[in-house]
Amino acid sequence: LLEHLSLALSSVRGLFAQYDTDGDGFVSKEEFEECYERLARAQGGASTADERSALWSRLDEDGCGRIDYISWAERLDLRALPAFAASLEQQAAEG
């Protein structure tokens, strides 16, 4: 159980780092949209502007335009982490 929890936390941290492209400790809406679209393409799909906007609204509940790691971790759906982790591994292998 602890091993799975550790892997999940590592995935959350890695995903945040992937989206925080400028390394300032925050993910902006622009960073989110760019990375989300890149991950969607890596999985053989695409995302719509409405889909990205809806997801961003769920992450950025206070509407400030950027989120920190704590907010990211609190709002991320842990059930989706395995798919995110696999996508990150695939993207790292290709890049």
PDB file of N, CA and C in Angstrom:
ATOM      1  N   LEU A   1       0.828  -1.194   0.000  1.00  0.00           N
ATOM      2  CA  LEU A   1       0.000   0.000   0.000  1.00  0.00           C
ATOM      3  C   LEU A   1       0.875   1.261   0.000  1.00  0.00           C
ATOM      4  N   LEU A   2       1.896   1.246   0.853  1.00  0.00           N
ATOM      5  CA  LEU A   2       2.783   2.403   0.896  1.00  0.00           C
ATOM      6  C   LEU A   2       3.537   2.595  -0.414  1.00  0.00           C
ATOM      7  N   GLU A   3       3.875   1.505  -1.050  1.00  0.00           N
ATOM      8  CA  GLU A   3       4.559   1.591  -2.335  1.00  0.00           C
ATOM      9  C   GLU A   3       3.657   2.243  -3.387  1.00  0.00           C
ATOM     10  N   HIS A   4       2.375   1.859  -3.396  1.00  0.00           N
ATOM     11  CA  HIS A   4       1.424   2.447  -4.347  1.00  0.00           C
ATOM     12  C   HIS A   4       1.183   3.919  -4.035  1.00  0.00           C
ATOM     13  N   LEU A   5       1.093   4.243  -2.756  1.00  0.00           N
ATOM     14  CA  LEU A   5       0.909   5.634  -2.369  1.00  0.00           C
ATOM     15  C   LEU A   5       2.120   6.476  -2.778  1.00  0.00           C
ATOM     16  N   SER A   6       3.291   5.925  -2.571  1.00  0.00           N
ATOM     17  CA  SER A   6       4.513   6.626  -2.970  1.00  0.00           C
ATOM     18  C   SER A   6       4.551   6.860  -4.472  1.00  0.00           C
ATOM     19  N   LEU A   7       4.158   5.850  -5.240  1.00  0.00           N
ATOM     20  CA  LEU A   7       4.116   5.990  -6.693  1.00  0.00           C
ATOM     21  C   LEU A   7       3.103   7.046  -7.117  1.00  0.00           C
ATOM     22  N   ALA A   8       1.942   7.061  -6.448  1.00  0.00           N
ATOM     23  CA  ALA A   8       0.916   8.058  -6.774  1.00  0.00           C
ATOM     24  C   ALA A   8       1.418   9.467  -6.487  1.00  0.00           C
ATOM     25  N   LEU A   9       2.049   9.657  -5.335  1.00  0.00           N
ATOM     26  CA  LEU A   9       2.577  10.979  -4.994  1.00  0.00           C
ATOM     27  C   LEU A   9       3.679  11.408  -5.946  1.00  0.00           C
ATOM     28  N   SER A  10       4.505  10.469  -6.316  1.00  0.00           N
ATOM     29  CA  SER A  10       5.563  10.759  -7.280  1.00  0.00           C
ATOM     30  C   SER A  10       4.965  11.162  -8.628  1.00  0.00           C
ATOM     31  N   SER A  11       3.894  10.493  -9.024  1.00  0.00           N
ATOM     32  CA  SER A  11       3.219  10.826 -10.283  1.00  0.00           C
ATOM     33  C   SER A  11       2.617  12.224 -10.239  1.00  0.00           C
ATOM     34  N   VAL A  12       1.992  12.569  -9.113  1.00  0.00           N
ATOM     35  CA  VAL A  12       1.407  13.909  -8.957  1.00  0.00           C
ATOM     36  C   VAL A  12       2.501  14.961  -9.060  1.00  0.00           C
ATOM     37  N   ARG A  13       3.612  14.734  -8.372  1.00  0.00           N
ATOM     38  CA  ARG A  13       4.738  15.679  -8.385  1.00  0.00           C
ATOM     39  C   ARG A  13       5.328  15.796  -9.794  1.00  0.00           C
ATOM     40  N   GLY A  14       5.512  14.646 -10.445  1.00  0.00           N
ATOM     41  CA  GLY A  14       6.062  14.654 -11.793  1.00  0.00           C
ATOM     42  C   GLY A  14       5.164  15.345 -12.790  1.00  0.00           C
ATOM     43  N   LEU A  15       3.869  15.129 -12.641  1.00  0.00           N
ATOM     44  CA  LEU A  15       2.918  15.766 -13.544  1.00  0.00           C
ATOM     45  C   LEU A  15       2.923  17.281 -13.347  1.00  0.00           C
ATOM     46  N   PHE A  16       2.973  17.712 -12.086  1.00  0.00           N
ATOM     47  CA  PHE A  16       3.036  19.148 -11.824  1.00  0.00           C
ATOM     48  C   PHE A  16       4.296  19.748 -12.455  1.00  0.00           C
ATOM     49  N   ALA A  17       5.414  19.080 -12.272  1.00  0.00           N
ATOM     50  CA  ALA A  17       6.674  19.578 -12.846  1.00  0.00           C
ATOM     51  C   ALA A  17       6.595  19.642 -14.366  1.00  0.00           C
ATOM     52  N   GLN A  18       5.925  18.687 -14.968  1.00  0.00           N
ATOM     53  CA  GLN A  18       5.769  18.670 -16.423  1.00  0.00           C
ATOM     54  C   GLN A  18       4.961  19.885 -16.892  1.00  0.00           C
ATOM     55  N   TYR A  19       3.932  20.235 -16.136  1.00  0.00           N
ATOM     56  CA  TYR A  19       3.075  21.365 -16.509  1.00  0.00           C
ATOM     57  C   TYR A  19       3.703  22.714 -16.141  1.00  0.00           C
ATOM     58  N   ASP A  20       4.551  22.740 -15.118  1.00  0.00           N
ATOM     59  CA  ASP A  20       5.214  23.974 -14.693  1.00  0.00           C
ATOM     60  C   ASP A  20       6.428  24.209 -15.591  1.00  0.00           C
ATOM     61  N   THR A  21       6.174  24.570 -16.820  1.00  0.00           N
ATOM     62  CA  THR A  21       7.232  24.633 -17.826  1.00  0.00           C
ATOM     63  C   THR A  21       8.288  25.695 -17.544  1.00  0.00           C
ATOM     64  N   ASP A  22       7.922  26.771 -16.848  1.00  0.00           N
ATOM     65  CA  ASP A  22       8.931  27.799 -16.561  1.00  0.00           C
ATOM     66  C   ASP A  22       9.584  27.619 -15.189  1.00  0.00           C
ATOM     67  N   GLY A  23       9.173  26.601 -14.438  1.00  0.00           N
ATOM     68  CA  GLY A  23       9.811  26.264 -13.176  1.00  0.00           C
ATOM     69  C   GLY A  23       9.614  27.264 -12.055  1.00  0.00           C
ATOM     70  N   ASP A  24       8.544  28.072 -12.130  1.00  0.00           N
ATOM     71  CA  ASP A  24       8.335  29.084 -11.094  1.00  0.00           C
ATOM     72  C   ASP A  24       7.523  28.590  -9.897  1.00  0.00           C
ATOM     73  N   GLY A  25       7.138  27.301  -9.907  1.00  0.00           N
ATOM     74  CA  GLY A  25       6.367  26.755  -8.794  1.00  0.00           C
ATOM     75  C   GLY A  25       4.869  26.916  -8.952  1.00  0.00           C
ATOM     76  N   PHE A  26       4.447  27.425 -10.096  1.00  0.00           N
ATOM     77  CA  PHE A  26       3.029  27.594 -10.392  1.00  0.00           C
ATOM     78  C   PHE A  26       2.758  27.090 -11.805  1.00  0.00           C
ATOM     79  N   VAL A  27       1.541  26.627 -12.033  1.00  0.00           N
ATOM     80  CA  VAL A  27       1.087  26.283 -13.382  1.00  0.00           C
ATOM     81  C   VAL A  27       0.086  27.348 -13.785  1.00  0.00           C
ATOM     82  N   SER A  28       0.380  28.030 -14.878  1.00  0.00           N
ATOM     83  CA  SER A  28      -0.538  29.042 -15.393  1.00  0.00           C
ATOM     84  C   SER A  28      -1.538  28.375 -16.336  1.00  0.00           C
ATOM     85  N   LYS A  29      -2.570  29.110 -16.663  1.00  0.00           N
ATOM     86  CA  LYS A  29      -3.566  28.585 -17.596  1.00  0.00           C
ATOM     87  C   LYS A  29      -2.913  28.255 -18.934  1.00  0.00           C
ATOM     88  N   GLU A  30      -2.012  29.110 -19.385  1.00  0.00           N
ATOM     89  CA  GLU A  30      -1.346  28.888 -20.669  1.00  0.00           C
ATOM     90  C   GLU A  30      -0.484  27.626 -20.621  1.00  0.00           C
ATOM     91  N   GLU A  31       0.267  27.444 -19.538  1.00  0.00           N
ATOM     92  CA  GLU A  31       1.082  26.237 -19.391  1.00  0.00           C
ATOM     93  C   GLU A  31       0.196  24.994 -19.367  1.00  0.00           C
ATOM     94  N   PHE A  32      -0.904  25.089 -18.631  1.00  0.00           N
ATOM     95  CA  PHE A  32      -1.822  23.960 -18.539  1.00  0.00           C
ATOM     96  C   PHE A  32      -2.361  23.579 -19.907  1.00  0.00           C
ATOM     97  N   GLU A  33      -2.855  24.561 -20.646  1.00  0.00           N
ATOM     98  CA  GLU A  33      -3.449  24.273 -21.944  1.00  0.00           C
ATOM     99  C   GLU A  33      -2.429  23.676 -22.911  1.00  0.00           C
ATOM    100  N   GLU A  34      -1.228  24.224 -22.934  1.00  0.00           N
ATOM    101  CA  GLU A  34      -0.181  23.726 -23.824  1.00  0.00           C
ATOM    102  C   GLU A  34       0.186  22.272 -23.488  1.00  0.00           C
ATOM    103  N   CYS A  35       0.406  22.008 -22.223  1.00  0.00           N
ATOM    104  CA  CYS A  35       0.811  20.649 -21.819  1.00  0.00           C
ATOM    105  C   CYS A  35      -0.326  19.653 -21.958  1.00  0.00           C
ATOM    106  N   TYR A  36      -1.537  20.071 -21.625  1.00  0.00           N
ATOM    107  CA  TYR A  36      -2.673  19.166 -21.740  1.00  0.00           C
ATOM    108  C   TYR A  36      -2.858  18.731 -23.192  1.00  0.00           C
ATOM    109  N   GLU A  37      -2.743  19.673 -24.104  1.00  0.00           N
ATOM    110  CA  GLU A  37      -2.891  19.351 -25.524  1.00  0.00           C
ATOM    111  C   GLU A  37      -1.760  18.431 -25.979  1.00  0.00           C
ATOM    112  N   ARG A  38      -0.551  18.689 -25.516  1.00  0.00           N
ATOM    113  CA  ARG A  38       0.581  17.834 -25.872  1.00  0.00           C
ATOM    114  C   ARG A  38       0.376  16.400 -25.365  1.00  0.00           C
ATOM    115  N   LEU A  39      -0.108  16.255 -24.136  1.00  0.00           N
ATOM    116  CA  LEU A  39      -0.378  14.917 -23.594  1.00  0.00           C
ATOM    117  C   LEU A  39      -1.510  14.226 -24.354  1.00  0.00           C
ATOM    118  N   ALA A  40      -2.522  14.987 -24.718  1.00  0.00           N
ATOM    119  CA  ALA A  40      -3.624  14.406 -25.488  1.00  0.00           C
ATOM    120  C   ALA A  40      -3.119  13.887 -26.832  1.00  0.00           C
ATOM    121  N   ARG A  41      -2.274  14.666 -27.491  1.00  0.00           N
ATOM    122  CA  ARG A  41      -1.706  14.223 -28.775  1.00  0.00           C
ATOM    123  C   ARG A  41      -0.826  12.994 -28.600  1.00  0.00           C
ATOM    124  N   ALA A  42      -0.069  12.944 -27.491  1.00  0.00           N
ATOM    125  CA  ALA A  42       0.810  11.801 -27.222  1.00  0.00           C
ATOM    126  C   ALA A  42       0.002  10.527 -27.032  1.00  0.00           C
ATOM    127  N   GLN A  43      -1.233  10.667 -26.581  1.00  0.00           N
ATOM    128  CA  GLN A  43      -2.104   9.507 -26.402  1.00  0.00           C
ATOM    129  C   GLN A  43      -2.933   9.228 -27.656  1.00  0.00           C
ATOM    130  N   GLY A  44      -2.634   9.935 -28.728  1.00  0.00           N
ATOM    131  CA  GLY A  44      -3.325   9.701 -29.987  1.00  0.00           C
ATOM    132  C   GLY A  44      -4.649  10.417 -30.119  1.00  0.00           C
ATOM    133  N   GLY A  45      -4.882  11.425 -29.295  1.00  0.00           N
ATOM    134  CA  GLY A  45      -6.147  12.146 -29.353  1.00  0.00           C
ATOM    135  C   GLY A  45      -5.919  13.631 -29.481  1.00  0.00           C
ATOM    136  N   ALA A  46      -6.927  14.353 -29.127  1.00  0.00           N
ATOM    137  CA  ALA A  46      -6.870  15.812 -29.133  1.00  0.00           C
ATOM    138  C   ALA A  46      -7.840  16.304 -28.077  1.00  0.00           C
ATOM    139  N   SER A  47      -7.706  17.552 -27.725  1.00  0.00           N
ATOM    140  CA  SER A  47      -8.635  18.132 -26.765  1.00  0.00           C
ATOM    141  C   SER A  47      -9.202  19.405 -27.359  1.00  0.00           C
ATOM    142  N   THR A  48     -10.400  19.736 -26.925  1.00  0.00           N
ATOM    143  CA  THR A  48     -11.026  20.957 -27.401  1.00  0.00           C
ATOM    144  C   THR A  48     -10.732  22.086 -26.420  1.00  0.00           C
ATOM    145  N   ALA A  49     -10.889  23.298 -26.882  1.00  0.00           N
ATOM    146  CA  ALA A  49     -10.694  24.462 -26.014  1.00  0.00           C
ATOM    147  C   ALA A  49     -11.688  24.426 -24.862  1.00  0.00           C
ATOM    148  N   ASP A  50     -12.919  23.999 -25.127  1.00  0.00           N
ATOM    149  CA  ASP A  50     -13.931  23.914 -24.069  1.00  0.00           C
ATOM    150  C   ASP A  50     -13.548  22.882 -23.017  1.00  0.00           C
ATOM    151  N   GLU A  51     -13.009  21.756 -23.459  1.00  0.00           N
ATOM    152  CA  GLU A  51     -12.580  20.713 -22.522  1.00  0.00           C
ATOM    153  C   GLU A  51     -11.445  21.236 -21.634  1.00  0.00           C
ATOM    154  N   ARG A  52     -10.454  21.858 -22.238  1.00  0.00           N
ATOM    155  CA  ARG A  52      -9.328  22.401 -21.475  1.00  0.00           C
ATOM    156  C   ARG A  52      -9.795  23.481 -20.508  1.00  0.00           C
ATOM    157  N   SER A  53     -10.703  24.322 -20.960  1.00  0.00           N
ATOM    158  CA  SER A  53     -11.211  25.397 -20.111  1.00  0.00           C
ATOM    159  C   SER A  53     -11.984  24.839 -18.916  1.00  0.00           C
ATOM    160  N   ALA A  54     -12.785  23.818 -19.142  1.00  0.00           N
ATOM    161  CA  ALA A  54     -13.548  23.208 -18.049  1.00  0.00           C
ATOM    162  C   ALA A  54     -12.616  22.573 -17.024  1.00  0.00           C
ATOM    163  N   LEU A  55     -11.594  21.869 -17.498  1.00  0.00           N
ATOM    164  CA  LEU A  55     -10.636  21.265 -16.582  1.00  0.00           C
ATOM    165  C   LEU A  55      -9.867  22.335 -15.808  1.00  0.00           C
ATOM    166  N   TRP A  56      -9.461  23.382 -16.499  1.00  0.00           N
ATOM    167  CA  TRP A  56      -8.730  24.448 -15.823  1.00  0.00           C
ATOM    168  C   TRP A  56      -9.608  25.099 -14.760  1.00  0.00           C
ATOM    169  N   SER A  57     -10.858  25.324 -15.055  1.00  0.00           N
ATOM    170  CA  SER A  57     -11.769  25.937 -14.079  1.00  0.00           C
ATOM    171  C   SER A  57     -11.883  25.091 -12.820  1.00  0.00           C
ATOM    172  N   ARG A  58     -11.847  23.782 -12.990  1.00  0.00           N
ATOM    173  CA  ARG A  58     -11.909  22.890 -11.834  1.00  0.00           C
ATOM    174  C   ARG A  58     -10.621  22.973 -11.011  1.00  0.00           C
ATOM    175  N   LEU A  59      -9.488  23.149 -11.663  1.00  0.00           N
ATOM    176  CA  LEU A  59      -8.213  23.263 -10.951  1.00  0.00           C
ATOM    177  C   LEU A  59      -8.036  24.647 -10.312  1.00  0.00           C
ATOM    178  N   ASP A  60      -8.425  25.677 -11.040  1.00  0.00           N
ATOM    179  CA  ASP A  60      -8.233  27.060 -10.588  1.00  0.00           C
ATOM    180  C   ASP A  60      -9.553  27.588 -10.032  1.00  0.00           C
ATOM    181  N   GLU A  61      -9.956  27.046  -8.891  1.00  0.00           N
ATOM    182  CA  GLU A  61     -11.262  27.370  -8.323  1.00  0.00           C
ATOM    183  C   GLU A  61     -11.418  28.839  -7.962  1.00  0.00           C
ATOM    184  N   ASP A  62     -10.332  29.489  -7.552  1.00  0.00           N
ATOM    185  CA  ASP A  62     -10.452  30.899  -7.170  1.00  0.00           C
ATOM    186  C   ASP A  62     -10.264  31.854  -8.339  1.00  0.00           C
ATOM    187  N   GLY A  63      -9.953  31.317  -9.517  1.00  0.00           N
ATOM    188  CA  GLY A  63      -9.870  32.132 -10.722  1.00  0.00           C
ATOM    189  C   GLY A  63      -8.692  33.079 -10.797  1.00  0.00           C
ATOM    190  N   CYS A  64      -7.599  32.769 -10.097  1.00  0.00           N
ATOM    191  CA  CYS A  64      -6.449  33.683 -10.108  1.00  0.00           C
ATOM    192  C   CYS A  64      -5.556  33.501 -11.337  1.00  0.00           C
ATOM    193  N   GLY A  65      -5.768  32.443 -12.102  1.00  0.00           N
ATOM    194  CA  GLY A  65      -4.995  32.261 -13.328  1.00  0.00           C
ATOM    195  C   GLY A  65      -3.768  31.398 -13.193  1.00  0.00           C
ATOM    196  N   ARG A  66      -3.484  30.943 -11.984  1.00  0.00           N
ATOM    197  CA  ARG A  66      -2.371  30.028 -11.775  1.00  0.00           C
ATOM    198  C   ARG A  66      -2.613  29.229 -10.494  1.00  0.00           C
ATOM    199  N   ILE A  67      -1.995  28.051 -10.425  1.00  0.00           N
ATOM    200  CA  ILE A  67      -2.158  27.209  -9.245  1.00  0.00           C
ATOM    201  C   ILE A  67      -0.796  26.708  -8.781  1.00  0.00           C
ATOM    202  N   ASP A  68      -0.677  26.503  -7.481  1.00  0.00           N
ATOM    203  CA  ASP A  68       0.562  25.973  -6.927  1.00  0.00           C
ATOM    204  C   ASP A  68       0.435  24.456  -6.748  1.00  0.00           C
ATOM    205  N   TYR A  69       1.502  23.828  -6.274  1.00  0.00           N
ATOM    206  CA  TYR A  69       1.527  22.376  -6.143  1.00  0.00           C
ATOM    207  C   TYR A  69       0.469  21.864  -5.171  1.00  0.00           C
ATOM    208  N   ILE A  70       0.263  22.553  -4.061  1.00  0.00           N
ATOM    209  CA  ILE A  70      -0.716  22.107  -3.065  1.00  0.00           C
ATOM    210  C   ILE A  70      -2.113  22.096  -3.677  1.00  0.00           C
ATOM    211  N   SER A  71      -2.489  23.146  -4.363  1.00  0.00           N
ATOM    212  CA  SER A  71      -3.803  23.203  -5.011  1.00  0.00           C
ATOM    213  C   SER A  71      -3.919  22.119  -6.076  1.00  0.00           C
ATOM    214  N   TRP A  72      -2.851  21.933  -6.835  1.00  0.00           N
ATOM    215  CA  TRP A  72      -2.809  20.906  -7.877  1.00  0.00           C
ATOM    216  C   TRP A  72      -3.087  19.533  -7.275  1.00  0.00           C
ATOM    217  N   ALA A  73      -2.354  19.205  -6.219  1.00  0.00           N
ATOM    218  CA  ALA A  73      -2.473  17.888  -5.596  1.00  0.00           C
ATOM    219  C   ALA A  73      -3.856  17.688  -4.971  1.00  0.00           C
ATOM    220  N   GLU A  74      -4.423  18.730  -4.396  1.00  0.00           N
ATOM    221  CA  GLU A  74      -5.741  18.627  -3.771  1.00  0.00           C
ATOM    222  C   GLU A  74      -6.842  18.381  -4.795  1.00  0.00           C
ATOM    223  N   ARG A  75      -6.702  18.950  -5.974  1.00  0.00           N
ATOM    224  CA  ARG A  75      -7.793  18.908  -6.951  1.00  0.00           C
ATOM    225  C   ARG A  75      -7.633  17.846  -8.029  1.00  0.00           C
ATOM    226  N   LEU A  76      -6.460  17.232  -8.101  1.00  0.00           N
ATOM    227  CA  LEU A  76      -6.225  16.214  -9.118  1.00  0.00           C
ATOM    228  C   LEU A  76      -6.982  14.935  -8.764  1.00  0.00           C
ATOM    229  N   ASP A  77      -7.602  14.334  -9.752  1.00  0.00           N
ATOM    230  CA  ASP A  77      -8.349  13.090  -9.561  1.00  0.00           C
ATOM    231  C   ASP A  77      -7.359  11.932  -9.500  1.00  0.00           C
ATOM    232  N   LEU A  78      -7.170  11.352  -8.321  1.00  0.00           N
ATOM    233  CA  LEU A  78      -6.187  10.296  -8.153  1.00  0.00           C
ATOM    234  C   LEU A  78      -6.502   9.056  -8.987  1.00  0.00           C
ATOM    235  N   ARG A  79      -7.753   8.856  -9.338  1.00  0.00           N
ATOM    236  CA  ARG A  79      -8.107   7.706 -10.170  1.00  0.00           C
ATOM    237  C   ARG A  79      -7.525   7.827 -11.572  1.00  0.00           C
ATOM    238  N   ALA A  80      -7.197   9.045 -11.986  1.00  0.00           N
ATOM    239  CA  ALA A  80      -6.651   9.261 -13.326  1.00  0.00           C
ATOM    240  C   ALA A  80      -5.129   9.185 -13.353  1.00  0.00           C
ATOM    241  N   LEU A  81      -4.486   9.075 -12.211  1.00  0.00           N
ATOM    242  CA  LEU A  81      -3.026   9.099 -12.166  1.00  0.00           C
ATOM    243  C   LEU A  81      -2.341   8.000 -12.961  1.00  0.00           C
ATOM    244  N   PRO A  82      -2.823   6.761 -12.938  1.00  0.00           N
ATOM    245  CA  PRO A  82      -2.123   5.749 -13.739  1.00  0.00           C
ATOM    246  C   PRO A  82      -2.027   6.116 -15.218  1.00  0.00           C
ATOM    247  N   ALA A  83      -3.097   6.654 -15.784  1.00  0.00           N
ATOM    248  CA  ALA A  83      -3.072   7.051 -17.190  1.00  0.00           C
ATOM    249  C   ALA A  83      -2.126   8.228 -17.400  1.00  0.00           C
ATOM    250  N   PHE A  84      -2.142   9.201 -16.474  1.00  0.00           N
ATOM    251  CA  PHE A  84      -1.224  10.331 -16.577  1.00  0.00           C
ATOM    252  C   PHE A  84       0.222   9.860 -16.483  1.00  0.00           C
ATOM    253  N   ALA A  85       0.495   8.970 -15.528  1.00  0.00           N
ATOM    254  CA  ALA A  85       1.863   8.475 -15.341  1.00  0.00           C
ATOM    255  C   ALA A  85       2.345   7.742 -16.584  1.00  0.00           C
ATOM    256  N   ALA A  86       1.502   6.916 -17.170  1.00  0.00           N
ATOM    257  CA  ALA A  86       1.877   6.188 -18.382  1.00  0.00           C
ATOM    258  C   ALA A  86       2.150   7.156 -19.520  1.00  0.00           C
ATOM    259  N   SER A  87       1.337   8.190 -19.625  1.00  0.00           N
ATOM    260  CA  SER A  87       1.530   9.172 -20.678  1.00  0.00           C
ATOM    261  C   SER A  87       2.835   9.933 -20.486  1.00  0.00           C
ATOM    262  N   LEU A  88       3.151  10.287 -19.241  1.00  0.00           N
ATOM    263  CA  LEU A  88       4.407  10.977 -18.974  1.00  0.00           C
ATOM    264  C   LEU A  88       5.606  10.096 -19.306  1.00  0.00           C
ATOM    265  N   GLU A  89       5.530   8.820 -18.948  1.00  0.00           N
ATOM    266  CA  GLU A  89       6.626   7.899 -19.258  1.00  0.00           C
ATOM    267  C   GLU A  89       6.817   7.782 -20.760  1.00  0.00           C
ATOM    268  N   GLN A  90       5.712   7.676 -21.501  1.00  0.00           N
ATOM    269  CA  GLN A  90       5.778   7.581 -22.954  1.00  0.00           C
ATOM    270  C   GLN A  90       6.382   8.845 -23.538  1.00  0.00           C
ATOM    271  N   GLN A  91       5.941   9.997 -23.050  1.00  0.00           N
ATOM    272  CA  GLN A  91       6.442  11.257 -23.565  1.00  0.00           C
ATOM    273  C   GLN A  91       7.927  11.434 -23.254  1.00  0.00           C
ATOM    274  N   ALA A  92       8.346  11.026 -22.061  1.00  0.00           N
ATOM    275  CA  ALA A  92       9.768  11.110 -21.702  1.00  0.00           C
ATOM    276  C   ALA A  92      10.615  10.186 -22.587  1.00  0.00           C
ATOM    277  N   ALA A  93      10.103   9.021 -22.903  1.00  0.00           N
ATOM    278  CA  ALA A  93      10.833   8.081 -23.748  1.00  0.00           C
ATOM    279  C   ALA A  93      10.982   8.611 -25.172  1.00  0.00           C
ATOM    280  N   GLU A  94       9.962   9.351 -25.643  1.00  0.00           N
ATOM    281  CA  GLU A  94       9.993   9.883 -27.003  1.00  0.00           C
ATOM    282  C   GLU A  94      10.827  11.156 -27.094  1.00  0.00           C
ATOM    283  N   GLY A  95      10.897  11.896 -25.967  1.00  0.00           N
ATOM    284  CA  GLY A  95      11.555  13.191 -26.008  1.00  0.00           C
ATOM    285  C   GLY A  95      12.941  13.098 -25.560  1.00  0.00           C
TER     286      GLY A  95
END
